[in-house]
């Protein structure tokens, strides 16, 4: 192919071809590094969001315990007390969706009297997001309480114990079997 060219021209062509091959390889390899970096950044962002959500959830649970402790300590005769709340589930957020469903029914009859009906259905759901790409929330379900323990110095008095018991049930809207009151 390059027989008619002198040695100097051949070297230039080989150098240019080598440079072209190196550029092509670079164009293939470099985007894979940036994709890996983008993927890593995305994973780190998701991990940070999950950690922030978990910390926020724990803070709200501690806040609920503190509120309950504060209100129960104001009950006459309760004395010094501690409160522990356990949760069955965490806060659940219900996002808004646009949904589109279709159903297609096909009936076929052959010449021998046989019938066949084919029904096909599909549903397409798309989450609705705001301008900042955050989902639009329809409803937020509070965390479900599993049980409450109250340890109070005044709980040795049955009247105070019953008052604390009723106060916890009313404040948290839970049933009696989920509440235990102990004396210090």
C-alpha atoms as a PDB file:
ATOM      1  CA  UNK A   1       0.000   0.000   0.000  1.00  0.00           C
ATOM      2  CA  UNK A   2       2.778   2.424   0.895  1.00  0.00           C
ATOM      3  CA  UNK A   3       5.371   1.032  -1.559  1.00  0.00           C
ATOM      4  CA  UNK A   4       5.560   4.207  -3.669  1.00  0.00           C
ATOM      5  CA  UNK A   5       6.366   6.457  -0.667  1.00  0.00           C
ATOM      6  CA  UNK A   6       9.840   7.143   0.667  1.00  0.00           C
ATOM      7  CA  UNK A   7      10.906   6.126   4.175  1.00  0.00           C
ATOM      8  CA  UNK A   8      10.347   9.574   5.686  1.00  0.00           C
ATOM      9  CA  UNK A   9       6.737   9.725   4.454  1.00  0.00           C
ATOM     10  CA  UNK A  10       6.092   6.169   5.643  1.00  0.00           C
ATOM     11  CA  UNK A  11       7.285   7.102   9.150  1.00  0.00           C
ATOM     12  CA  UNK A  12       4.943  10.108   9.200  1.00  0.00           C
ATOM     13  CA  UNK A  13       1.978   7.992   8.105  1.00  0.00           C
ATOM     14  CA  UNK A  14       2.742   5.256  10.666  1.00  0.00           C
ATOM     15  CA  UNK A  15       3.119   7.908  13.374  1.00  0.00           C
ATOM     16  CA  UNK A  16      -0.225   9.475  12.421  1.00  0.00           C
ATOM     17  CA  UNK A  17      -1.916   6.051  12.326  1.00  0.00           C
ATOM     18  CA  UNK A  18      -0.439   5.186  15.746  1.00  0.00           C
ATOM     19  CA  UNK A  19      -1.652   8.519  17.111  1.00  0.00           C
ATOM     20  CA  UNK A  20      -5.121   7.831  15.665  1.00  0.00           C
ATOM     21  CA  UNK A  21      -5.251   4.383  17.297  1.00  0.00           C
ATOM     22  CA  UNK A  22      -4.194   5.859  20.664  1.00  0.00           C
ATOM     23  CA  UNK A  23      -6.899   8.560  20.368  1.00  0.00           C
ATOM     24  CA  UNK A  24      -9.550   5.961  19.504  1.00  0.00           C
ATOM     25  CA  UNK A  25      -8.581   3.844  22.501  1.00  0.00           C
ATOM     26  CA  UNK A  26      -8.654   6.936  24.725  1.00  0.00           C
ATOM     27  CA  UNK A  27     -12.144   7.825  23.453  1.00  0.00           C
ATOM     28  CA  UNK A  28     -13.335   4.345  24.392  1.00  0.00           C
ATOM     29  CA  UNK A  29     -11.609   4.088  27.784  1.00  0.00           C
ATOM     30  CA  UNK A  30     -12.095   7.608  29.255  1.00  0.00           C
ATOM     31  CA  UNK A  31     -15.930   7.622  29.262  1.00  0.00           C
ATOM     32  CA  UNK A  32     -15.966   4.361  31.217  1.00  0.00           C
ATOM     33  CA  UNK A  33     -13.955   6.049  33.989  1.00  0.00           C
ATOM     34  CA  UNK A  34     -16.352   9.020  34.126  1.00  0.00           C
ATOM     35  CA  UNK A  35     -19.370   6.665  34.148  1.00  0.00           C
ATOM     36  CA  UNK A  36     -17.847   4.789  37.088  1.00  0.00           C
ATOM     37  CA  UNK A  37     -17.294   8.097  38.884  1.00  0.00           C
ATOM     38  CA  UNK A  38     -20.885   9.211  38.209  1.00  0.00           C
ATOM     39  CA  UNK A  39     -22.170   5.851  39.446  1.00  0.00           C
ATOM     40  CA  UNK A  40     -20.007   6.115  42.562  1.00  0.00           C
ATOM     41  CA  UNK A  41     -21.207   9.685  43.203  1.00  0.00           C
ATOM     42  CA  UNK A  42     -24.814   8.541  42.800  1.00  0.00           C
ATOM     43  CA  UNK A  43     -24.296   5.671  45.268  1.00  0.00           C
ATOM     44  CA  UNK A  44     -22.683   8.041  47.791  1.00  0.00           C
ATOM     45  CA  UNK A  45     -25.604  10.499  47.419  1.00  0.00           C
ATOM     46  CA  UNK A  46     -28.145   7.706  47.959  1.00  0.00           C
ATOM     47  CA  UNK A  47     -26.228   6.461  51.011  1.00  0.00           C
ATOM     48  CA  UNK A  48     -26.081   9.982  52.462  1.00  0.00           C
ATOM     49  CA  UNK A  49     -29.830  10.484  51.903  1.00  0.00           C
ATOM     50  CA  UNK A  50     -30.587   7.165  53.592  1.00  0.00           C
ATOM     51  CA  UNK A  51     -28.358   8.080  56.527  1.00  0.00           C
ATOM     52  CA  UNK A  52     -30.008  11.513  56.876  1.00  0.00           C
ATOM     53  CA  UNK A  53     -33.468   9.885  56.738  1.00  0.00           C
ATOM     54  CA  UNK A  54     -32.469   7.351  59.396  1.00  0.00           C
ATOM     55  CA  UNK A  55     -31.024  10.060  61.655  1.00  0.00           C
ATOM     56  CA  UNK A  56     -34.145  12.165  61.177  1.00  0.00           C
ATOM     57  CA  UNK A  57     -36.329   9.171  62.025  1.00  0.00           C
ATOM     58  CA  UNK A  58     -34.337   8.444  65.180  1.00  0.00           C
ATOM     59  CA  UNK A  59     -34.505  12.104  66.200  1.00  0.00           C
ATOM     60  CA  UNK A  60     -38.287  12.135  65.806  1.00  0.00           C
ATOM     61  CA  UNK A  61     -38.567   8.936  67.888  1.00  0.00           C
ATOM     62  CA  UNK A  62     -36.404  10.429  70.658  1.00  0.00           C
ATOM     63  CA  UNK A  63     -38.457  13.620  70.425  1.00  0.00           C
ATOM     64  CA  UNK A  64     -41.669  11.628  70.930  1.00  0.00           C
ATOM     65  CA  UNK A  65     -40.154   9.911  73.973  1.00  0.00           C
ATOM     66  CA  UNK A  66     -39.084  13.280  75.386  1.00  0.00           C
ATOM     67  CA  UNK A  67     -42.549  14.796  74.852  1.00  0.00           C
ATOM     68  CA  UNK A  68     -44.224  11.831  76.546  1.00  0.00           C
ATOM     69  CA  UNK A  69     -41.742  11.936  79.432  1.00  0.00           C
ATOM     70  CA  UNK A  70     -42.346  15.659  79.903  1.00  0.00           C
ATOM     71  CA  UNK A  71     -46.145  15.343  79.993  1.00  0.00           C
ATOM     72  CA  UNK A  72     -46.145  12.255  82.230  1.00  0.00           C
ATOM     73  CA  UNK A  73     -43.779  13.863  84.747  1.00  0.00           C
ATOM     74  CA  UNK A  74     -46.403  16.590  85.295  1.00  0.00           C
ATOM     75  CA  UNK A  75     -48.930  14.044  86.585  1.00  0.00           C
ATOM     76  CA  UNK A  76     -49.404  14.400  90.329  1.00  0.00           C
ATOM     77  CA  UNK A  77     -47.462  11.701  92.183  1.00  0.00           C
ATOM     78  CA  UNK A  78     -45.589  10.362  89.128  1.00  0.00           C
ATOM     79  CA  UNK A  79     -42.219  11.564  90.380  1.00  0.00           C
ATOM     80  CA  UNK A  80     -39.059  10.856  88.376  1.00  0.00           C
ATOM     81  CA  UNK A  81     -39.669   8.723  85.300  1.00  0.00           C
ATOM     82  CA  UNK A  82     -38.167   7.258  82.155  1.00  0.00           C
ATOM     83  CA  UNK A  83     -39.960   6.359  78.919  1.00  0.00           C
ATOM     84  CA  UNK A  84     -39.057   3.921  76.143  1.00  0.00           C
ATOM     85  CA  UNK A  85     -41.056   3.559  72.927  1.00  0.00           C
ATOM     86  CA  UNK A  86     -40.457   0.749  70.432  1.00  0.00           C
ATOM     87  CA  UNK A  87     -41.672   1.005  66.869  1.00  0.00           C
ATOM     88  CA  UNK A  88     -42.972  -1.755  64.627  1.00  0.00           C
ATOM     89  CA  UNK A  89     -42.475   0.215  61.439  1.00  0.00           C
ATOM     90  CA  UNK A  90     -40.975   3.499  60.409  1.00  0.00           C
ATOM     91  CA  UNK A  91     -42.653   6.489  58.813  1.00  0.00           C
ATOM     92  CA  UNK A  92     -44.064   5.654  55.372  1.00  0.00           C
ATOM     93  CA  UNK A  93     -44.442   8.217  52.611  1.00  0.00           C
ATOM     94  CA  UNK A  94     -46.990   7.679  49.840  1.00  0.00           C
ATOM     95  CA  UNK A  95     -45.937   9.502  46.639  1.00  0.00           C
ATOM     96  CA  UNK A  96     -48.313  10.683  43.918  1.00  0.00           C
ATOM     97  CA  UNK A  97     -48.483   8.676  40.678  1.00  0.00           C
ATOM     98  CA  UNK A  98     -49.912   9.205  37.226  1.00  0.00           C
ATOM     99  CA  UNK A  99     -51.328   5.904  36.113  1.00  0.00           C
ATOM    100  CA  UNK A 100     -52.489   4.758  32.739  1.00  0.00           C
ATOM    101  CA  UNK A 101     -54.076   1.365  32.263  1.00  0.00           C
ATOM    102  CA  UNK A 102     -55.285  -0.313  29.117  1.00  0.00           C
ATOM    103  CA  UNK A 103     -57.216  -3.508  28.535  1.00  0.00           C
ATOM    104  CA  UNK A 104     -57.644  -5.203  25.182  1.00  0.00           C
ATOM    105  CA  UNK A 105     -60.012  -8.090  24.590  1.00  0.00           C
ATOM    106  CA  UNK A 106     -59.848 -10.138  21.389  1.00  0.00           C
ATOM    107  CA  UNK A 107     -62.429 -12.765  20.479  1.00  0.00           C
ATOM    108  CA  UNK A 108     -61.669 -15.243  17.716  1.00  0.00           C
ATOM    109  CA  UNK A 109     -63.949 -17.799  16.111  1.00  0.00           C
ATOM    110  CA  UNK A 110     -62.827 -20.403  13.617  1.00  0.00           C
ATOM    111  CA  UNK A 111     -64.860 -22.111  10.907  1.00  0.00           C
ATOM    112  CA  UNK A 112     -65.329 -25.277  12.988  1.00  0.00           C
ATOM    113  CA  UNK A 113     -67.166 -23.427  15.781  1.00  0.00           C
ATOM    114  CA  UNK A 114     -64.225 -23.065  18.177  1.00  0.00           C
ATOM    115  CA  UNK A 115     -63.876 -19.858  20.168  1.00  0.00           C
ATOM    116  CA  UNK A 116     -60.913 -18.211  21.785  1.00  0.00           C
ATOM    117  CA  UNK A 117     -60.842 -15.067  23.877  1.00  0.00           C
ATOM    118  CA  UNK A 118     -57.564 -13.267  24.607  1.00  0.00           C
ATOM    119  CA  UNK A 119     -57.480 -10.503  27.201  1.00  0.00           C
ATOM    120  CA  UNK A 120     -54.400  -8.309  27.504  1.00  0.00           C
ATOM    121  CA  UNK A 121     -54.023  -5.605  30.112  1.00  0.00           C
ATOM    122  CA  UNK A 122     -51.200  -3.261  31.005  1.00  0.00           C
ATOM    123  CA  UNK A 123     -50.676  -0.561  33.580  1.00  0.00           C
ATOM    124  CA  UNK A 124     -48.119   2.216  33.457  1.00  0.00           C
ATOM    125  CA  UNK A 125     -47.347   4.209  36.619  1.00  0.00           C
ATOM    126  CA  UNK A 126     -45.158   7.297  36.679  1.00  0.00           C
ATOM    127  CA  UNK A 127     -44.195   9.079  39.886  1.00  0.00           C
ATOM    128  CA  UNK A 128     -45.042  12.782  39.925  1.00  0.00           C
ATOM    129  CA  UNK A 129     -42.093  14.951  40.925  1.00  0.00           C
ATOM    130  CA  UNK A 130     -41.632  18.642  41.656  1.00  0.00           C
ATOM    131  CA  UNK A 131     -39.277  20.993  39.837  1.00  0.00           C
ATOM    132  CA  UNK A 132     -36.446  19.882  42.143  1.00  0.00           C
ATOM    133  CA  UNK A 133     -37.015  16.201  41.220  1.00  0.00           C
ATOM    134  CA  UNK A 134     -38.471  15.421  44.662  1.00  0.00           C
ATOM    135  CA  UNK A 135     -41.591  13.223  44.667  1.00  0.00           C
ATOM    136  CA  UNK A 136     -44.926  14.900  45.388  1.00  0.00           C
ATOM    137  CA  UNK A 137     -46.227  13.355  48.636  1.00  0.00           C
ATOM    138  CA  UNK A 138     -49.929  12.511  48.934  1.00  0.00           C
ATOM    139  CA  UNK A 139     -49.848  11.116  52.436  1.00  0.00           C
ATOM    140  CA  UNK A 140     -47.376  10.401  55.223  1.00  0.00           C
ATOM    141  CA  UNK A 141     -48.137   7.526  57.564  1.00  0.00           C
ATOM    142  CA  UNK A 142     -46.753   7.933  61.058  1.00  0.00           C
ATOM    143  CA  UNK A 143     -44.501   5.189  62.449  1.00  0.00           C
ATOM    144  CA  UNK A 144     -46.462   2.362  64.061  1.00  0.00           C
ATOM    145  CA  UNK A 145     -45.825   1.977  67.783  1.00  0.00           C
ATOM    146  CA  UNK A 146     -45.152  -1.542  69.026  1.00  0.00           C
ATOM    147  CA  UNK A 147     -44.989  -0.868  72.754  1.00  0.00           C
ATOM    148  CA  UNK A 148     -44.284   1.632  75.527  1.00  0.00           C
ATOM    149  CA  UNK A 149     -42.546   1.137  78.854  1.00  0.00           C
ATOM    150  CA  UNK A 150     -42.754   3.751  81.598  1.00  0.00           C
ATOM    151  CA  UNK A 151     -40.660   3.456  84.733  1.00  0.00           C
ATOM    152  CA  UNK A 152     -41.824   5.919  87.387  1.00  0.00           C
ATOM    153  CA  UNK A 153     -40.944   6.370  91.035  1.00  0.00           C
ATOM    154  CA  UNK A 154     -44.611   7.012  91.850  1.00  0.00           C
ATOM    155  CA  UNK A 155     -45.907   3.917  90.043  1.00  0.00           C
ATOM    156  CA  UNK A 156     -46.008   1.924  93.273  1.00  0.00           C
ATOM    157  CA  UNK A 157     -49.267   3.774  94.032  1.00  0.00           C
ATOM    158  CA  UNK A 158     -52.046   1.988  92.064  1.00  0.00           C
ATOM    159  CA  UNK A 159     -53.936   5.234  91.435  1.00  0.00           C
ATOM    160  CA  UNK A 160     -50.856   6.946  89.930  1.00  0.00           C
ATOM    161  CA  UNK A 161     -50.063   3.804  87.918  1.00  0.00           C
ATOM    162  CA  UNK A 162     -53.585   3.754  86.435  1.00  0.00           C
ATOM    163  CA  UNK A 163     -53.366   7.474  85.619  1.00  0.00           C
ATOM    164  CA  UNK A 164     -50.013   6.984  83.836  1.00  0.00           C
ATOM    165  CA  UNK A 165     -51.427   3.963  81.990  1.00  0.00           C
ATOM    166  CA  UNK A 166     -54.438   5.932  80.728  1.00  0.00           C
ATOM    167  CA  UNK A 167     -52.314   8.960  79.835  1.00  0.00           C
ATOM    168  CA  UNK A 168     -49.966   6.867  77.657  1.00  0.00           C
ATOM    169  CA  UNK A 169     -52.890   5.176  75.883  1.00  0.00           C
ATOM    170  CA  UNK A 170     -54.566   8.507  75.192  1.00  0.00           C
ATOM    171  CA  UNK A 171     -51.438  10.387  74.142  1.00  0.00           C
ATOM    172  CA  UNK A 172     -50.247   7.750  71.671  1.00  0.00           C
ATOM    173  CA  UNK A 173     -53.629   6.272  70.659  1.00  0.00           C
ATOM    174  CA  UNK A 174     -52.527   2.714  71.390  1.00  0.00           C
ATOM    175  CA  UNK A 175     -54.249  -0.218  73.075  1.00  0.00           C
ATOM    176  CA  UNK A 176     -53.651  -1.279  76.657  1.00  0.00           C
ATOM    177  CA  UNK A 177     -51.655  -4.425  75.919  1.00  0.00           C
ATOM    178  CA  UNK A 178     -48.960  -2.220  74.367  1.00  0.00           C
ATOM    179  CA  UNK A 179     -48.330  -0.258  77.593  1.00  0.00           C
ATOM    180  CA  UNK A 180     -46.418  -1.389  80.676  1.00  0.00           C
ATOM    181  CA  UNK A 181     -45.890   0.756  83.780  1.00  0.00           C
ATOM    182  CA  UNK A 182     -43.218  -0.188  86.344  1.00  0.00           C
ATOM    183  CA  UNK A 183     -42.133   1.424  89.604  1.00  0.00           C
ATOM    184  CA  UNK A 184     -38.572   2.584  90.171  1.00  0.00           C
END
